[in-house]
Amino acid sequence: MTAYLIVEVETTDAELMAEYRKHTPGLIAQFGGKFIVRGGECDCLEGGWTPSRMVVIEF
């Protein structure tokens, strides 16, 4: 059965986030995951939700 992890990310420390991003692909792959969506600009079509960055991972 496939599961999806959907995350809204707001970065407050760019340097720390850059270090974190170096390690996440290997960790996710280690558990059979793969990135489906990894950042980019988000457009909200309805409502007032304004996420700064979205990530979707498939396991």
PDB file of N, CA and C in Angstrom:
ATOM      1  N   MET A   1       0.839  -1.171   0.000  1.00  0.00           N
ATOM      2  CA  MET A   1       0.000   0.000   0.000  1.00  0.00           C
ATOM      3  C   MET A   1       0.892   1.246   0.000  1.00  0.00           C
ATOM      4  N   THR A   2       0.582   2.183  -0.851  1.00  0.00           N
ATOM      5  CA  THR A   2       1.342   3.430  -0.944  1.00  0.00           C
ATOM      6  C   THR A   2       0.826   4.432   0.080  1.00  0.00           C
ATOM      7  N   ALA A   3       1.747   5.157   0.704  1.00  0.00           N
ATOM      8  CA  ALA A   3       1.402   6.229   1.636  1.00  0.00           C
ATOM      9  C   ALA A   3       2.107   7.500   1.186  1.00  0.00           C
ATOM     10  N   TYR A   4       1.469   8.644   1.444  1.00  0.00           N
ATOM     11  CA  TYR A   4       2.037   9.935   1.064  1.00  0.00           C
ATOM     12  C   TYR A   4       2.209  10.805   2.300  1.00  0.00           C
ATOM     13  N   LEU A   5       3.348  11.446   2.388  1.00  0.00           N
ATOM     14  CA  LEU A   5       3.629  12.419   3.434  1.00  0.00           C
ATOM     15  C   LEU A   5       3.559  13.791   2.779  1.00  0.00           C
ATOM     16  N   ILE A   6       2.649  14.638   3.256  1.00  0.00           N
ATOM     17  CA  ILE A   6       2.468  15.981   2.698  1.00  0.00           C
ATOM     18  C   ILE A   6       2.886  16.981   3.768  1.00  0.00           C
ATOM     19  N   VAL A   7       3.836  17.841   3.421  1.00  0.00           N
ATOM     20  CA  VAL A   7       4.427  18.751   4.399  1.00  0.00           C
ATOM     21  C   VAL A   7       4.410  20.179   3.871  1.00  0.00           C
ATOM     22  N   GLU A   8       3.998  21.102   4.724  1.00  0.00           N
ATOM     23  CA  GLU A   8       4.131  22.528   4.432  1.00  0.00           C
ATOM     24  C   GLU A   8       5.360  23.006   5.194  1.00  0.00           C
ATOM     25  N   VAL A   9       6.318  23.586   4.492  1.00  0.00           N
ATOM     26  CA  VAL A   9       7.590  23.978   5.091  1.00  0.00           C
ATOM     27  C   VAL A   9       7.717  25.497   5.086  1.00  0.00           C
ATOM     28  N   GLU A  10       8.073  26.048   6.231  1.00  0.00           N
ATOM     29  CA  GLU A  10       8.402  27.472   6.316  1.00  0.00           C
ATOM     30  C   GLU A  10       9.809  27.570   6.886  1.00  0.00           C
ATOM     31  N   THR A  11      10.742  28.038   6.088  1.00  0.00           N
ATOM     32  CA  THR A  11      12.143  28.112   6.489  1.00  0.00           C
ATOM     33  C   THR A  11      12.410  29.416   7.231  1.00  0.00           C
ATOM     34  N   THR A  12      12.992  29.292   8.423  1.00  0.00           N
ATOM     35  CA  THR A  12      13.362  30.479   9.194  1.00  0.00           C
ATOM     36  C   THR A  12      14.877  30.644   9.294  1.00  0.00           C
ATOM     37  N   ASP A  13      15.618  29.582   8.968  1.00  0.00           N
ATOM     38  CA  ASP A  13      17.081  29.625   9.007  1.00  0.00           C
ATOM     39  C   ASP A  13      17.599  28.953   7.733  1.00  0.00           C
ATOM     40  N   ALA A  14      17.917  29.737   6.725  1.00  0.00           N
ATOM     41  CA  ALA A  14      18.308  29.213   5.411  1.00  0.00           C
ATOM     42  C   ALA A  14      19.568  28.355   5.484  1.00  0.00           C
ATOM     43  N   GLU A  15      20.514  28.740   6.299  1.00  0.00           N
ATOM     44  CA  GLU A  15      21.764  27.982   6.421  1.00  0.00           C
ATOM     45  C   GLU A  15      21.513  26.601   7.030  1.00  0.00           C
ATOM     46  N   LEU A  16      20.719  26.556   8.077  1.00  0.00           N
ATOM     47  CA  LEU A  16      20.388  25.286   8.718  1.00  0.00           C
ATOM     48  C   LEU A  16      19.566  24.403   7.773  1.00  0.00           C
ATOM     49  N   MET A  17      18.649  25.010   7.023  1.00  0.00           N
ATOM     50  CA  MET A  17      17.832  24.255   6.074  1.00  0.00           C
ATOM     51  C   MET A  17      18.689  23.674   4.958  1.00  0.00           C
ATOM     52  N   ALA A  18      19.690  24.402   4.498  1.00  0.00           N
ATOM     53  CA  ALA A  18      20.590  23.899   3.459  1.00  0.00           C
ATOM     54  C   ALA A  18      21.331  22.658   3.949  1.00  0.00           C
ATOM     55  N   GLU A  19      21.767  22.672   5.186  1.00  0.00           N
ATOM     56  CA  GLU A  19      22.444  21.510   5.769  1.00  0.00           C
ATOM     57  C   GLU A  19      21.473  20.335   5.903  1.00  0.00           C
ATOM     58  N   TYR A  20      20.268  20.606   6.336  1.00  0.00           N
ATOM     59  CA  TYR A  20      19.235  19.575   6.491  1.00  0.00           C
ATOM     60  C   TYR A  20      18.922  18.911   5.150  1.00  0.00           C
ATOM     61  N   ARG A  21      18.809  19.728   4.096  1.00  0.00           N
ATOM     62  CA  ARG A  21      18.472  19.204   2.764  1.00  0.00           C
ATOM     63  C   ARG A  21      19.553  18.282   2.205  1.00  0.00           C
ATOM     64  N   LYS A  22      20.778  18.424   2.654  1.00  0.00           N
ATOM     65  CA  LYS A  22      21.850  17.532   2.194  1.00  0.00           C
ATOM     66  C   LYS A  22      21.597  16.089   2.636  1.00  0.00           C
ATOM     67  N   HIS A  23      20.938  15.918   3.771  1.00  0.00           N
ATOM     68  CA  HIS A  23      20.780  14.599   4.374  1.00  0.00           C
ATOM     69  C   HIS A  23      19.439  13.930   4.078  1.00  0.00           C
ATOM     70  N   THR A  24      18.412  14.702   3.767  1.00  0.00           N
ATOM     71  CA  THR A  24      17.083  14.106   3.616  1.00  0.00           C
ATOM     72  C   THR A  24      16.922  13.160   2.430  1.00  0.00           C
ATOM     73  N   PRO A  25      17.461  13.419   1.238  1.00  0.00           N
ATOM     74  CA  PRO A  25      17.232  12.472   0.135  1.00  0.00           C
ATOM     75  C   PRO A  25      17.706  11.049   0.455  1.00  0.00           C
ATOM     76  N   GLY A  26      18.870  10.921   1.051  1.00  0.00           N
ATOM     77  CA  GLY A  26      19.382   9.599   1.402  1.00  0.00           C
ATOM     78  C   GLY A  26      18.538   8.907   2.454  1.00  0.00           C
ATOM     79  N   LEU A  27      18.087   9.662   3.432  1.00  0.00           N
ATOM     80  CA  LEU A  27      17.259   9.101   4.495  1.00  0.00           C
ATOM     81  C   LEU A  27      15.913   8.639   3.949  1.00  0.00           C
ATOM     82  N   ILE A  28      15.313   9.451   3.105  1.00  0.00           N
ATOM     83  CA  ILE A  28      14.026   9.087   2.509  1.00  0.00           C
ATOM     84  C   ILE A  28      14.181   7.857   1.621  1.00  0.00           C
ATOM     85  N   ALA A  29      15.226   7.809   0.813  1.00  0.00           N
ATOM     86  CA  ALA A  29      15.479   6.652  -0.058  1.00  0.00           C
ATOM     87  C   ALA A  29      15.738   5.389   0.757  1.00  0.00           C
ATOM     88  N   GLN A  30      16.390   5.536   1.889  1.00  0.00           N
ATOM     89  CA  GLN A  30      16.694   4.396   2.758  1.00  0.00           C
ATOM     90  C   GLN A  30      15.418   3.675   3.186  1.00  0.00           C
ATOM     91  N   PHE A  31      14.318   4.405   3.291  1.00  0.00           N
ATOM     92  CA  PHE A  31      13.046   3.821   3.707  1.00  0.00           C
ATOM     93  C   PHE A  31      12.084   3.632   2.536  1.00  0.00           C
ATOM     94  N   GLY A  32      12.620   3.647   1.315  1.00  0.00           N
ATOM     95  CA  GLY A  32      11.817   3.367   0.133  1.00  0.00           C
ATOM     96  C   GLY A  32      10.988   4.530  -0.363  1.00  0.00           C
ATOM     97  N   GLY A  33      11.301   5.731   0.081  1.00  0.00           N
ATOM     98  CA  GLY A  33      10.529   6.896  -0.322  1.00  0.00           C
ATOM     99  C   GLY A  33      11.112   7.592  -1.532  1.00  0.00           C
ATOM    100  N   LYS A  34      10.274   8.399  -2.166  1.00  0.00           N
ATOM    101  CA  LYS A  34      10.749   9.244  -3.264  1.00  0.00           C
ATOM    102  C   LYS A  34       9.950  10.537  -3.263  1.00  0.00           C
ATOM    103  N   PHE A  35      10.610  11.614  -3.665  1.00  0.00           N
ATOM    104  CA  PHE A  35       9.957  12.915  -3.727  1.00  0.00           C
ATOM    105  C   PHE A  35       9.009  12.957  -4.920  1.00  0.00           C
ATOM    106  N   ILE A  36       7.795  13.427  -4.693  1.00  0.00           N
ATOM    107  CA  ILE A  36       6.819  13.655  -5.752  1.00  0.00           C
ATOM    108  C   ILE A  36       6.762  15.152  -6.056  1.00  0.00           C
ATOM    109  N   VAL A  37       6.726  15.960  -5.002  1.00  0.00           N
ATOM    110  CA  VAL A  37       6.750  17.425  -5.107  1.00  0.00           C
ATOM    111  C   VAL A  37       7.822  17.903  -4.152  1.00  0.00           C
ATOM    112  N   ARG A  38       8.641  18.831  -4.625  1.00  0.00           N
ATOM    113  CA  ARG A  38       9.744  19.302  -3.782  1.00  0.00           C
ATOM    114  C   ARG A  38       9.932  20.799  -3.985  1.00  0.00           C
ATOM    115  N   GLY A  39       9.088  21.584  -3.308  1.00  0.00           N
ATOM    116  CA  GLY A  39       9.224  23.030  -3.356  1.00  0.00           C
ATOM    117  C   GLY A  39       8.586  23.659  -4.568  1.00  0.00           C
ATOM    118  N   GLY A  40       9.036  24.840  -4.890  1.00  0.00           N
ATOM    119  CA  GLY A  40       8.448  25.598  -5.982  1.00  0.00           C
ATOM    120  C   GLY A  40       7.385  26.543  -5.453  1.00  0.00           C
ATOM    121  N   GLU A  41       6.904  27.405  -6.310  1.00  0.00           N
ATOM    122  CA  GLU A  41       5.895  28.387  -5.925  1.00  0.00           C
ATOM    123  C   GLU A  41       4.536  27.720  -5.794  1.00  0.00           C
ATOM    124  N   CYS A  42       3.778  28.094  -4.759  1.00  0.00           N
ATOM    125  CA  CYS A  42       2.439  27.546  -4.522  1.00  0.00           C
ATOM    126  C   CYS A  42       1.389  28.590  -4.876  1.00  0.00           C
ATOM    127  N   ASP A  43       0.340  28.151  -5.544  1.00  0.00           N
ATOM    128  CA  ASP A  43      -0.800  29.015  -5.854  1.00  0.00           C
ATOM    129  C   ASP A  43      -2.032  28.447  -5.175  1.00  0.00           C
ATOM    130  N   CYS A  44      -2.680  29.252  -4.352  1.00  0.00           N
ATOM    131  CA  CYS A  44      -3.909  28.849  -3.685  1.00  0.00           C
ATOM    132  C   CYS A  44      -5.085  29.267  -4.569  1.00  0.00           C
ATOM    133  N   LEU A  45      -5.900  28.311  -4.990  1.00  0.00           N
ATOM    134  CA  LEU A  45      -7.009  28.606  -5.890  1.00  0.00           C
ATOM    135  C   LEU A  45      -8.258  29.054  -5.145  1.00  0.00           C
ATOM    136  N   GLU A  46      -8.408  28.656  -3.881  1.00  0.00           N
ATOM    137  CA  GLU A  46      -9.547  29.062  -3.067  1.00  0.00           C
ATOM    138  C   GLU A  46      -9.084  29.302  -1.642  1.00  0.00           C
ATOM    139  N   GLY A  47      -9.761  30.205  -0.950  1.00  0.00           N
ATOM    140  CA  GLY A  47      -9.443  30.461   0.447  1.00  0.00           C
ATOM    141  C   GLY A  47      -8.216  31.336   0.605  1.00  0.00           C
ATOM    142  N   GLY A  48      -7.766  31.460   1.843  1.00  0.00           N
ATOM    143  CA  GLY A  48      -6.664  32.355   2.140  1.00  0.00           C
ATOM    144  C   GLY A  48      -5.368  31.666   2.509  1.00  0.00           C
ATOM    145  N   TRP A  49      -5.263  30.382   2.215  1.00  0.00           N
ATOM    146  CA  TRP A  49      -4.074  29.619   2.575  1.00  0.00           C
ATOM    147  C   TRP A  49      -2.919  30.030   1.674  1.00  0.00           C
ATOM    148  N   THR A  50      -1.777  30.362   2.238  1.00  0.00           N
ATOM    149  CA  THR A  50      -0.618  30.794   1.449  1.00  0.00           C
ATOM    150  C   THR A  50       0.646  30.059   1.912  1.00  0.00           C
ATOM    151  N   PRO A  51       0.778  28.788   1.551  1.00  0.00           N
ATOM    152  CA  PRO A  51       1.981  28.054   1.955  1.00  0.00           C
ATOM    153  C   PRO A  51       3.206  28.592   1.234  1.00  0.00           C
ATOM    154  N   SER A  52       4.333  28.598   1.924  1.00  0.00           N
ATOM    155  CA  SER A  52       5.552  29.097   1.291  1.00  0.00           C
ATOM    156  C   SER A  52       6.262  28.005   0.500  1.00  0.00           C
ATOM    157  N   ARG A  53       6.152  26.751   0.950  1.00  0.00           N
ATOM    158  CA  ARG A  53       6.822  25.636   0.261  1.00  0.00           C
ATOM    159  C   ARG A  53       6.110  24.341   0.635  1.00  0.00           C
ATOM    160  N   MET A  54       5.879  23.490  -0.355  1.00  0.00           N
ATOM    161  CA  MET A  54       5.218  22.204  -0.120  1.00  0.00           C
ATOM    162  C   MET A  54       6.145  21.070  -0.560  1.00  0.00           C
ATOM    163  N   VAL A  55       6.076  19.974   0.172  1.00  0.00           N
ATOM    164  CA  VAL A  55       6.829  18.773  -0.170  1.00  0.00           C
ATOM    165  C   VAL A  55       5.865  17.589  -0.066  1.00  0.00           C
ATOM    166  N   VAL A  56       5.884  16.711  -1.068  1.00  0.00           N
ATOM    167  CA  VAL A  56       5.095  15.480  -1.034  1.00  0.00           C
ATOM    168  C   VAL A  56       6.062  14.322  -1.268  1.00  0.00           C
ATOM    169  N   ILE A  57       6.028  13.358  -0.360  1.00  0.00           N
ATOM    170  CA  ILE A  57       6.910  12.196  -0.443  1.00  0.00           C
ATOM    171  C   ILE A  57       6.046  10.942  -0.498  1.00  0.00           C
ATOM    172  N   GLU A  58       6.381  10.040  -1.413  1.00  0.00           N
ATOM    173  CA  GLU A  58       5.660   8.776  -1.556  1.00  0.00           C
ATOM    174  C   GLU A  58       6.477   7.654  -0.921  1.00  0.00           C
ATOM    175  N   PHE A  59       5.819   6.840  -0.126  1.00  0.00           N
ATOM    176  CA  PHE A  59       6.444   5.655   0.470  1.00  0.00           C
ATOM    177  C   PHE A  59       5.671   4.422   0.055  1.00  0.00           C
TER     178      PHE A  59
END
